[in-house]
Amino acid sequence: MISATTKLLKIGELSAQSGVSIQTIRYYEELGLLHSSDRTEGNYRLFAPQTVQRLAFIKRLQAMGLSLQAVKECLAIHNCGNLPCAVIQQQLQERVRGIEQEMMAVFGTAGLVTLATASGFMGMMGFSLAMLASLKLMDIESFAESYANYDLVTQRYKPYGKIYPFAELAIALGFLSGVASGVVGIASMLIGIVGGISVFKAVYIDKKSLNCACIGGNSQAPLQIVSFSENLIMAVMGAYLSATTVTGAVPTKPVGEILQPQVQISQVKSHTVP
């Protein structure tokens, strides 16, 4: 209940106090997540001061991985005077299962391609990183925006958010081709270490509840295990590739070398006279 003495907020004031853009506030209102309390004579929206806390609650639920539809269901229960804890827990469990399926799809497909090409563990890591890079490149603007929320390099140099997916793809191709192993190994190790430090700082030091950009900017996967796994792969495989390059050892045959004999055999068969 709003008293007559309560100072209502214009949408610009609400945006400034909540840190949520005006466009997003209007979008939430269209979805029924928010409701303006009144209008000015000039027909501008006016919101109750409590809307600031409501927006913070919505953003927290989103950061936990809930869709806007799930957030709406939680708010409906909250509006009735009940605590939506059970609903939130159920939605989170469903989201965790969804994330597990997404990661199984990525790494499972990479594993099957690895088996089909007999390219070994290095090949599997290359295929996995290539698939993760492709998810980021599908909407690079969203990825860069989400990545800037926690990546230390992007926060200092914003173009890095758009460079990163291409760098990850180049590293993946380096793993698969064996070209410039030393450069690929060092780049992979550095990017993985910096990325891991960024995630650790955001999650455990700054205590931020953010979505992971690792499987695309529009992903609602929580920033923890998935991103740690991606950065760990890059750091460990980069260190391994660098070490094998220095010692002169060959970690695995490039996929191209594995497939080449099969191509040559098929060419011979095609030119054989029956």
C-alpha atoms as a PDB file:
ATOM      1  CA  MET A   1       0.000   0.000   0.000  1.00  0.00           C
ATOM      2  CA  ILE A   2       1.422   3.384  -1.042  1.00  0.00           C
ATOM      3  CA  SER A   3       0.723   6.354   1.226  1.00  0.00           C
ATOM      4  CA  ALA A   4      -0.036   9.831  -0.077  1.00  0.00           C
ATOM      5  CA  THR A   5       3.316  11.078   1.188  1.00  0.00           C
ATOM      6  CA  THR A   6       5.346   8.395  -0.621  1.00  0.00           C
ATOM      7  CA  LYS A   7       7.537   9.881  -3.314  1.00  0.00           C
ATOM      8  CA  LEU A   8       7.088   7.885  -6.490  1.00  0.00           C
ATOM      9  CA  LEU A   9       9.995   7.372  -8.866  1.00  0.00           C
ATOM     10  CA  LYS A  10      10.102   8.257 -12.515  1.00  0.00           C
ATOM     11  CA  ILE A  11      11.468   5.524 -14.748  1.00  0.00           C
ATOM     12  CA  GLY A  12      14.798   7.348 -15.101  1.00  0.00           C
ATOM     13  CA  GLU A  13      15.143   7.636 -11.333  1.00  0.00           C
ATOM     14  CA  LEU A  14      14.257   3.953 -10.927  1.00  0.00           C
ATOM     15  CA  SER A  15      16.882   3.043 -13.509  1.00  0.00           C
ATOM     16  CA  ALA A  16      19.545   5.111 -11.739  1.00  0.00           C
ATOM     17  CA  GLN A  17      18.784   3.638  -8.300  1.00  0.00           C
ATOM     18  CA  SER A  18      18.477   0.012  -9.454  1.00  0.00           C
ATOM     19  CA  GLY A  19      21.230  -0.066 -12.084  1.00  0.00           C
ATOM     20  CA  VAL A  20      18.757  -1.578 -14.593  1.00  0.00           C
ATOM     21  CA  SER A  21      18.374   0.126 -17.963  1.00  0.00           C
ATOM     22  CA  ILE A  22      15.156   1.952 -18.887  1.00  0.00           C
ATOM     23  CA  GLN A  23      14.631  -0.421 -21.823  1.00  0.00           C
ATOM     24  CA  THR A  24      14.862  -3.448 -19.525  1.00  0.00           C
ATOM     25  CA  ILE A  25      12.433  -1.910 -17.016  1.00  0.00           C
ATOM     26  CA  ARG A  26       9.907  -1.318 -19.805  1.00  0.00           C
ATOM     27  CA  TYR A  27      10.427  -4.886 -21.021  1.00  0.00           C
ATOM     28  CA  TYR A  28       9.830  -6.260 -17.514  1.00  0.00           C
ATOM     29  CA  GLU A  29       6.663  -4.181 -17.294  1.00  0.00           C
ATOM     30  CA  GLU A  30       5.432  -5.619 -20.623  1.00  0.00           C
ATOM     31  CA  LEU A  31       6.018  -9.128 -19.261  1.00  0.00           C
ATOM     32  CA  GLY A  32       4.090  -8.340 -16.093  1.00  0.00           C
ATOM     33  CA  LEU A  33       7.090  -8.545 -13.773  1.00  0.00           C
ATOM     34  CA  LEU A  34       6.654  -4.892 -12.771  1.00  0.00           C
ATOM     35  CA  HIS A  35       3.717  -2.535 -12.553  1.00  0.00           C
ATOM     36  CA  SER A  36       3.811   1.254 -12.500  1.00  0.00           C
ATOM     37  CA  SER A  37       1.876   2.763  -9.620  1.00  0.00           C
ATOM     38  CA  ASP A  38       0.711   5.940 -11.345  1.00  0.00           C
ATOM     39  CA  ARG A  39       1.303   8.307 -14.236  1.00  0.00           C
ATOM     40  CA  THR A  40       2.263  11.956 -14.334  1.00  0.00           C
ATOM     41  CA  GLU A  41       0.214  14.596 -16.141  1.00  0.00           C
ATOM     42  CA  GLY A  42       2.584  14.119 -19.034  1.00  0.00           C
ATOM     43  CA  ASN A  43       1.758  10.361 -18.991  1.00  0.00           C
ATOM     44  CA  TYR A  44       5.182   9.341 -17.637  1.00  0.00           C
ATOM     45  CA  ARG A  45       5.333   6.155 -15.569  1.00  0.00           C
ATOM     46  CA  LEU A  46       5.724   6.432 -11.802  1.00  0.00           C
ATOM     47  CA  PHE A  47       6.950   3.530  -9.664  1.00  0.00           C
ATOM     48  CA  ALA A  48       6.851   2.820  -5.942  1.00  0.00           C
ATOM     49  CA  PRO A  49      10.232   2.950  -4.139  1.00  0.00           C
ATOM     50  CA  GLN A  50       9.860  -0.776  -3.339  1.00  0.00           C
ATOM     51  CA  THR A  51      10.290  -1.465  -7.078  1.00  0.00           C
ATOM     52  CA  VAL A  52      14.055  -1.009  -6.591  1.00  0.00           C
ATOM     53  CA  GLN A  53      14.108  -4.076  -4.311  1.00  0.00           C
ATOM     54  CA  ARG A  54      11.831  -5.954  -6.707  1.00  0.00           C
ATOM     55  CA  LEU A  55      14.234  -5.327  -9.572  1.00  0.00           C
ATOM     56  CA  ALA A  56      17.150  -6.513  -7.431  1.00  0.00           C
ATOM     57  CA  PHE A  57      15.194  -9.691  -6.631  1.00  0.00           C
ATOM     58  CA  ILE A  58      14.475 -10.290 -10.338  1.00  0.00           C
ATOM     59  CA  LYS A  59      18.146  -9.838 -11.264  1.00  0.00           C
ATOM     60  CA  ARG A  60      19.232 -12.226  -8.479  1.00  0.00           C
ATOM     61  CA  LEU A  61      16.857 -14.913  -9.738  1.00  0.00           C
ATOM     62  CA  GLN A  62      18.112 -14.417 -13.297  1.00  0.00           C
ATOM     63  CA  ALA A  63      21.718 -14.639 -12.127  1.00  0.00           C
ATOM     64  CA  MET A  64      20.861 -17.965 -10.474  1.00  0.00           C
ATOM     65  CA  GLY A  65      19.860 -19.274 -13.899  1.00  0.00           C
ATOM     66  CA  LEU A  66      16.078 -18.864 -13.855  1.00  0.00           C
ATOM     67  CA  SER A  67      14.247 -17.835 -17.013  1.00  0.00           C
ATOM     68  CA  LEU A  68      11.993 -14.782 -16.979  1.00  0.00           C
ATOM     69  CA  GLN A  69       8.953 -17.075 -17.082  1.00  0.00           C
ATOM     70  CA  ALA A  70      10.210 -18.868 -13.975  1.00  0.00           C
ATOM     71  CA  VAL A  71      10.895 -15.498 -12.330  1.00  0.00           C
ATOM     72  CA  LYS A  72       7.317 -14.456 -13.085  1.00  0.00           C
ATOM     73  CA  GLU A  73       5.995 -17.596 -11.381  1.00  0.00           C
ATOM     74  CA  CYS A  74       8.107 -16.886  -8.288  1.00  0.00           C
ATOM     75  CA  LEU A  75       6.907 -13.278  -8.165  1.00  0.00           C
ATOM     76  CA  ALA A  76       3.281 -14.402  -8.454  1.00  0.00           C
ATOM     77  CA  ILE A  77       3.713 -16.571  -5.345  1.00  0.00           C
ATOM     78  CA  HIS A  78       5.539 -13.731  -3.582  1.00  0.00           C
ATOM     79  CA  ASN A  79       2.715 -11.314  -4.433  1.00  0.00           C
ATOM     80  CA  CYS A  80       0.268 -13.611  -2.626  1.00  0.00           C
ATOM     81  CA  GLY A  81       2.292 -13.207   0.565  1.00  0.00           C
ATOM     82  CA  ASN A  82       4.038 -16.598   0.366  1.00  0.00           C
ATOM     83  CA  LEU A  83       7.741 -17.409   0.130  1.00  0.00           C
ATOM     84  CA  PRO A  84       8.587 -18.984  -3.253  1.00  0.00           C
ATOM     85  CA  CYS A  85      11.527 -20.987  -1.868  1.00  0.00           C
ATOM     86  CA  ALA A  86      10.213 -24.382  -3.014  1.00  0.00           C
ATOM     87  CA  VAL A  87       9.476 -23.090  -6.521  1.00  0.00           C
ATOM     88  CA  ILE A  88      12.905 -21.454  -6.779  1.00  0.00           C
ATOM     89  CA  GLN A  89      14.589 -24.679  -5.660  1.00  0.00           C
ATOM     90  CA  GLN A  90      12.639 -26.688  -8.233  1.00  0.00           C
ATOM     91  CA  GLN A  91      13.470 -24.212 -11.005  1.00  0.00           C
ATOM     92  CA  LEU A  92      17.162 -24.297 -10.059  1.00  0.00           C
ATOM     93  CA  GLN A  93      17.203 -28.095 -10.123  1.00  0.00           C
ATOM     94  CA  GLU A  94      15.661 -28.045 -13.590  1.00  0.00           C
ATOM     95  CA  ARG A  95      18.223 -25.466 -14.715  1.00  0.00           C
ATOM     96  CA  VAL A  96      21.103 -27.582 -13.375  1.00  0.00           C
ATOM     97  CA  ARG A  97      19.788 -30.546 -15.362  1.00  0.00           C
ATOM     98  CA  GLY A  98      19.567 -28.318 -18.437  1.00  0.00           C
ATOM     99  CA  ILE A  99      23.182 -27.185 -18.008  1.00  0.00           C
ATOM    100  CA  GLU A 100      24.318 -30.787 -17.598  1.00  0.00           C
ATOM    101  CA  GLN A 101      22.545 -31.700 -20.835  1.00  0.00           C
ATOM    102  CA  GLU A 102      24.137 -28.762 -22.658  1.00  0.00           C
ATOM    103  CA  MET A 103      27.621 -29.737 -21.513  1.00  0.00           C
ATOM    104  CA  MET A 104      27.005 -33.411 -22.269  1.00  0.00           C
ATOM    105  CA  ALA A 105      25.943 -32.393 -25.773  1.00  0.00           C
ATOM    106  CA  VAL A 106      29.136 -30.361 -26.313  1.00  0.00           C
ATOM    107  CA  PHE A 107      31.663 -32.773 -24.823  1.00  0.00           C
ATOM    108  CA  GLY A 108      29.753 -35.887 -25.922  1.00  0.00           C
ATOM    109  CA  THR A 109      29.710 -34.726 -29.542  1.00  0.00           C
ATOM    110  CA  ALA A 110      33.388 -33.788 -29.293  1.00  0.00           C
ATOM    111  CA  GLY A 111      34.143 -37.261 -27.921  1.00  0.00           C
ATOM    112  CA  LEU A 112      32.299 -39.002 -30.754  1.00  0.00           C
ATOM    113  CA  VAL A 113      34.075 -36.888 -33.376  1.00  0.00           C
ATOM    114  CA  THR A 114      37.358 -37.724 -31.650  1.00  0.00           C
ATOM    115  CA  LEU A 115      36.609 -41.442 -31.850  1.00  0.00           C
ATOM    116  CA  ALA A 116      35.584 -41.146 -35.499  1.00  0.00           C
ATOM    117  CA  THR A 117      38.815 -39.379 -36.430  1.00  0.00           C
ATOM    118  CA  ALA A 118      41.043 -41.280 -33.940  1.00  0.00           C
ATOM    119  CA  SER A 119      42.605 -37.947 -32.981  1.00  0.00           C
ATOM    120  CA  GLY A 120      43.262 -38.693 -29.299  1.00  0.00           C
ATOM    121  CA  PHE A 121      42.833 -36.578 -26.191  1.00  0.00           C
ATOM    122  CA  MET A 122      44.335 -33.455 -27.755  1.00  0.00           C
ATOM    123  CA  GLY A 123      41.824 -33.785 -30.565  1.00  0.00           C
ATOM    124  CA  MET A 124      38.933 -34.052 -28.130  1.00  0.00           C
ATOM    125  CA  MET A 125      40.040 -30.864 -26.375  1.00  0.00           C
ATOM    126  CA  GLY A 126      40.363 -29.136 -29.730  1.00  0.00           C
ATOM    127  CA  PHE A 127      36.896 -30.174 -30.845  1.00  0.00           C
ATOM    128  CA  SER A 128      35.415 -29.164 -27.452  1.00  0.00           C
ATOM    129  CA  LEU A 129      36.946 -25.683 -27.551  1.00  0.00           C
ATOM    130  CA  ALA A 130      35.906 -25.233 -31.181  1.00  0.00           C
ATOM    131  CA  MET A 131      32.295 -26.037 -30.291  1.00  0.00           C
ATOM    132  CA  LEU A 132      32.346 -23.698 -27.277  1.00  0.00           C
ATOM    133  CA  ALA A 133      33.802 -20.947 -29.495  1.00  0.00           C
ATOM    134  CA  SER A 134      31.041 -21.477 -32.069  1.00  0.00           C
ATOM    135  CA  LEU A 135      28.388 -20.972 -29.354  1.00  0.00           C
ATOM    136  CA  LYS A 136      29.974 -17.628 -28.453  1.00  0.00           C
ATOM    137  CA  LEU A 137      30.235 -16.533 -32.092  1.00  0.00           C
ATOM    138  CA  MET A 138      26.510 -17.105 -32.660  1.00  0.00           C
ATOM    139  CA  ASP A 139      25.848 -13.874 -30.763  1.00  0.00           C
ATOM    140  CA  ILE A 140      29.186 -12.211 -30.138  1.00  0.00           C
ATOM    141  CA  GLU A 141      27.612  -8.963 -28.898  1.00  0.00           C
ATOM    142  CA  SER A 142      25.723 -10.739 -26.103  1.00  0.00           C
ATOM    143  CA  PHE A 143      28.797 -12.771 -25.232  1.00  0.00           C
ATOM    144  CA  ALA A 144      31.032  -9.684 -24.980  1.00  0.00           C
ATOM    145  CA  GLU A 145      28.484  -7.900 -22.788  1.00  0.00           C
ATOM    146  CA  SER A 146      28.115 -10.877 -20.445  1.00  0.00           C
ATOM    147  CA  TYR A 147      31.859 -11.605 -20.408  1.00  0.00           C
ATOM    148  CA  ALA A 148      32.662  -8.031 -19.346  1.00  0.00           C
ATOM    149  CA  ASN A 149      30.764  -8.617 -16.092  1.00  0.00           C
ATOM    150  CA  TYR A 150      33.575 -10.766 -14.699  1.00  0.00           C
ATOM    151  CA  ASP A 151      36.583 -11.021 -17.024  1.00  0.00           C
ATOM    152  CA  LEU A 152      39.441  -8.851 -15.758  1.00  0.00           C
ATOM    153  CA  VAL A 153      40.981  -8.220 -19.190  1.00  0.00           C
ATOM    154  CA  THR A 154      37.669  -7.235 -20.815  1.00  0.00           C
ATOM    155  CA  GLN A 155      36.926  -4.839 -17.968  1.00  0.00           C
ATOM    156  CA  ARG A 156      40.138  -2.970 -18.810  1.00  0.00           C
ATOM    157  CA  TYR A 157      40.066  -3.454 -22.590  1.00  0.00           C
ATOM    158  CA  LYS A 158      36.513  -3.952 -23.898  1.00  0.00           C
ATOM    159  CA  PRO A 159      37.392  -5.133 -27.448  1.00  0.00           C
ATOM    160  CA  TYR A 160      38.931  -8.245 -25.862  1.00  0.00           C
ATOM    161  CA  GLY A 161      35.392  -9.529 -25.267  1.00  0.00           C
ATOM    162  CA  LYS A 162      34.907  -9.778 -29.035  1.00  0.00           C
ATOM    163  CA  ILE A 163      38.445 -11.020 -29.677  1.00  0.00           C
ATOM    164  CA  TYR A 164      38.197 -13.893 -27.177  1.00  0.00           C
ATOM    165  CA  PRO A 165      35.886 -16.236 -29.202  1.00  0.00           C
ATOM    166  CA  PHE A 166      38.181 -15.960 -32.233  1.00  0.00           C
ATOM    167  CA  ALA A 167      41.234 -16.573 -30.038  1.00  0.00           C
ATOM    168  CA  GLU A 168      39.576 -19.648 -28.543  1.00  0.00           C
ATOM    169  CA  LEU A 169      38.713 -20.943 -32.012  1.00  0.00           C
ATOM    170  CA  ALA A 170      42.292 -20.341 -33.203  1.00  0.00           C
ATOM    171  CA  ILE A 171      43.622 -22.273 -30.188  1.00  0.00           C
ATOM    172  CA  ALA A 172      41.205 -25.120 -30.921  1.00  0.00           C
ATOM    173  CA  LEU A 173      42.393 -25.272 -34.525  1.00  0.00           C
ATOM    174  CA  GLY A 174      45.980 -25.206 -33.262  1.00  0.00           C
ATOM    175  CA  PHE A 175      45.268 -28.219 -31.042  1.00  0.00           C
ATOM    176  CA  LEU A 176      43.789 -30.075 -34.012  1.00  0.00           C
ATOM    177  CA  SER A 177      46.328 -29.116 -36.677  1.00  0.00           C
ATOM    178  CA  GLY A 178      49.548 -29.077 -34.676  1.00  0.00           C
ATOM    179  CA  VAL A 179      50.530 -25.798 -36.396  1.00  0.00           C
ATOM    180  CA  ALA A 180      52.602 -23.329 -34.327  1.00  0.00           C
ATOM    181  CA  SER A 181      52.395 -25.567 -31.262  1.00  0.00           C
ATOM    182  CA  GLY A 182      54.597 -23.334 -29.117  1.00  0.00           C
ATOM    183  CA  VAL A 183      52.589 -20.162 -29.770  1.00  0.00           C
ATOM    184  CA  VAL A 184      49.277 -21.996 -29.391  1.00  0.00           C
ATOM    185  CA  GLY A 185      50.403 -23.583 -26.121  1.00  0.00           C
ATOM    186  CA  ILE A 186      51.566 -20.305 -24.544  1.00  0.00           C
ATOM    187  CA  ALA A 187      48.448 -18.422 -25.685  1.00  0.00           C
ATOM    188  CA  SER A 188      46.156 -21.167 -24.393  1.00  0.00           C
ATOM    189  CA  MET A 189      47.931 -21.318 -21.040  1.00  0.00           C
ATOM    190  CA  LEU A 190      47.845 -17.546 -20.507  1.00  0.00           C
ATOM    191  CA  ILE A 191      44.198 -17.164 -21.528  1.00  0.00           C
ATOM    192  CA  GLY A 192      43.189 -20.115 -19.346  1.00  0.00           C
ATOM    193  CA  ILE A 193      45.051 -18.819 -16.280  1.00  0.00           C
ATOM    194  CA  VAL A 194      43.719 -15.250 -16.609  1.00  0.00           C
ATOM    195  CA  GLY A 195      40.208 -16.568 -17.214  1.00  0.00           C
ATOM    196  CA  GLY A 196      40.399 -18.843 -14.179  1.00  0.00           C
ATOM    197  CA  ILE A 197      41.594 -15.982 -11.975  1.00  0.00           C
ATOM    198  CA  SER A 198      38.730 -13.794 -13.249  1.00  0.00           C
ATOM    199  CA  VAL A 199      36.124 -16.427 -12.406  1.00  0.00           C
ATOM    200  CA  PHE A 200      37.657 -17.121  -8.977  1.00  0.00           C
ATOM    201  CA  LYS A 201      37.670 -13.397  -8.123  1.00  0.00           C
ATOM    202  CA  ALA A 202      34.091 -12.868  -9.287  1.00  0.00           C
ATOM    203  CA  VAL A 203      32.649 -15.918  -7.501  1.00  0.00           C
ATOM    204  CA  TYR A 204      34.665 -16.244  -4.288  1.00  0.00           C
ATOM    205  CA  ILE A 205      36.092 -12.769  -3.606  1.00  0.00           C
ATOM    206  CA  ASP A 206      33.507 -10.363  -5.023  1.00  0.00           C
ATOM    207  CA  LYS A 207      30.660 -12.843  -4.290  1.00  0.00           C
ATOM    208  CA  LYS A 208      28.935 -11.999  -7.560  1.00  0.00           C
ATOM    209  CA  SER A 209      25.972 -13.994  -8.837  1.00  0.00           C
ATOM    210  CA  LEU A 210      26.535 -13.934 -12.586  1.00  0.00           C
ATOM    211  CA  ASN A 211      25.717 -16.037 -15.600  1.00  0.00           C
ATOM    212  CA  CYS A 212      28.555 -17.800 -17.367  1.00  0.00           C
ATOM    213  CA  ALA A 213      29.279 -16.508 -20.864  1.00  0.00           C
ATOM    214  CA  CYS A 214      31.237 -19.670 -21.735  1.00  0.00           C
ATOM    215  CA  ILE A 215      28.376 -21.357 -23.621  1.00  0.00           C
ATOM    216  CA  GLY A 216      27.066 -18.166 -25.205  1.00  0.00           C
ATOM    217  CA  GLY A 217      26.102 -14.702 -24.070  1.00  0.00           C
ATOM    218  CA  ASN A 218      22.413 -15.571 -23.699  1.00  0.00           C
ATOM    219  CA  SER A 219      23.157 -18.583 -21.535  1.00  0.00           C
ATOM    220  CA  GLN A 220      21.766 -18.614 -18.004  1.00  0.00           C
ATOM    221  CA  ALA A 221      24.339 -21.077 -16.712  1.00  0.00           C
ATOM    222  CA  PRO A 222      25.723 -19.959 -13.332  1.00  0.00           C
ATOM    223  CA  LEU A 223      29.302 -18.719 -13.350  1.00  0.00           C
ATOM    224  CA  GLN A 224      31.218 -21.508 -11.630  1.00  0.00           C
ATOM    225  CA  ILE A 225      31.987 -25.064 -12.666  1.00  0.00           C
ATOM    226  CA  VAL A 226      31.358 -24.694 -16.417  1.00  0.00           C
ATOM    227  CA  SER A 227      33.636 -21.678 -16.814  1.00  0.00           C
ATOM    228  CA  PHE A 228      36.243 -23.166 -14.474  1.00  0.00           C
ATOM    229  CA  SER A 229      36.264 -26.313 -16.642  1.00  0.00           C
ATOM    230  CA  GLU A 230      36.761 -24.344 -19.839  1.00  0.00           C
ATOM    231  CA  ASN A 231      39.636 -22.302 -18.402  1.00  0.00           C
ATOM    232  CA  LEU A 232      41.188 -25.390 -16.816  1.00  0.00           C
ATOM    233  CA  ILE A 233      41.188 -27.165 -20.181  1.00  0.00           C
ATOM    234  CA  MET A 234      42.915 -24.229 -21.842  1.00  0.00           C
ATOM    235  CA  ALA A 235      45.489 -23.752 -19.066  1.00  0.00           C
ATOM    236  CA  VAL A 236      46.392 -27.436 -18.649  1.00  0.00           C
ATOM    237  CA  MET A 237      46.436 -28.271 -22.368  1.00  0.00           C
ATOM    238  CA  GLY A 238      48.366 -25.086 -23.091  1.00  0.00           C
ATOM    239  CA  ALA A 239      50.993 -25.973 -20.476  1.00  0.00           C
ATOM    240  CA  TYR A 240      51.193 -29.533 -21.803  1.00  0.00           C
ATOM    241  CA  LEU A 241      51.552 -28.401 -25.417  1.00  0.00           C
ATOM    242  CA  SER A 242      54.214 -25.836 -24.451  1.00  0.00           C
ATOM    243  CA  ALA A 243      56.158 -28.455 -22.494  1.00  0.00           C
ATOM    244  CA  THR A 244      56.056 -31.001 -25.322  1.00  0.00           C
ATOM    245  CA  THR A 245      57.166 -28.348 -27.799  1.00  0.00           C
ATOM    246  CA  VAL A 246      60.160 -27.416 -25.640  1.00  0.00           C
ATOM    247  CA  THR A 247      61.176 -31.062 -25.077  1.00  0.00           C
ATOM    248  CA  GLY A 248      60.627 -31.946 -28.717  1.00  0.00           C
ATOM    249  CA  ALA A 249      57.996 -34.571 -27.960  1.00  0.00           C
ATOM    250  CA  VAL A 250      54.920 -34.823 -30.174  1.00  0.00           C
ATOM    251  CA  PRO A 251      51.729 -34.962 -28.075  1.00  0.00           C
ATOM    252  CA  THR A 252      49.519 -36.410 -30.775  1.00  0.00           C
ATOM    253  CA  LYS A 253      49.191 -36.584 -34.526  1.00  0.00           C
ATOM    254  CA  PRO A 254      47.261 -33.724 -36.065  1.00  0.00           C
ATOM    255  CA  VAL A 255      43.837 -34.713 -37.391  1.00  0.00           C
ATOM    256  CA  GLY A 256      44.919 -33.853 -40.919  1.00  0.00           C
ATOM    257  CA  GLU A 257      47.766 -36.381 -40.776  1.00  0.00           C
ATOM    258  CA  ILE A 258      45.385 -39.051 -39.472  1.00  0.00           C
ATOM    259  CA  LEU A 259      42.842 -38.499 -42.225  1.00  0.00           C
ATOM    260  CA  GLN A 260      45.356 -38.073 -45.060  1.00  0.00           C
ATOM    261  CA  PRO A 261      46.202 -41.785 -45.510  1.00  0.00           C
ATOM    262  CA  GLN A 262      42.490 -42.601 -45.675  1.00  0.00           C
ATOM    263  CA  VAL A 263      41.985 -39.925 -48.345  1.00  0.00           C
ATOM    264  CA  GLN A 264      44.915 -41.308 -50.349  1.00  0.00           C
ATOM    265  CA  ILE A 265      43.531 -44.850 -50.140  1.00  0.00           C
ATOM    266  CA  SER A 266      40.123 -43.696 -51.364  1.00  0.00           C
ATOM    267  CA  GLN A 267      41.798 -41.830 -54.246  1.00  0.00           C
ATOM    268  CA  VAL A 268      43.733 -44.955 -55.252  1.00  0.00           C
ATOM    269  CA  LYS A 269      40.550 -47.024 -55.188  1.00  0.00           C
ATOM    270  CA  SER A 270      38.719 -44.457 -57.315  1.00  0.00           C
ATOM    271  CA  HIS A 271      41.460 -44.641 -59.958  1.00  0.00           C
ATOM    272  CA  THR A 272      41.722 -48.458 -59.969  1.00  0.00           C
ATOM    273  CA  VAL A 273      40.472 -50.096 -63.149  1.00  0.00           C
ATOM    274  CA  PRO A 274      38.064 -52.982 -62.370  1.00  0.00           C
END
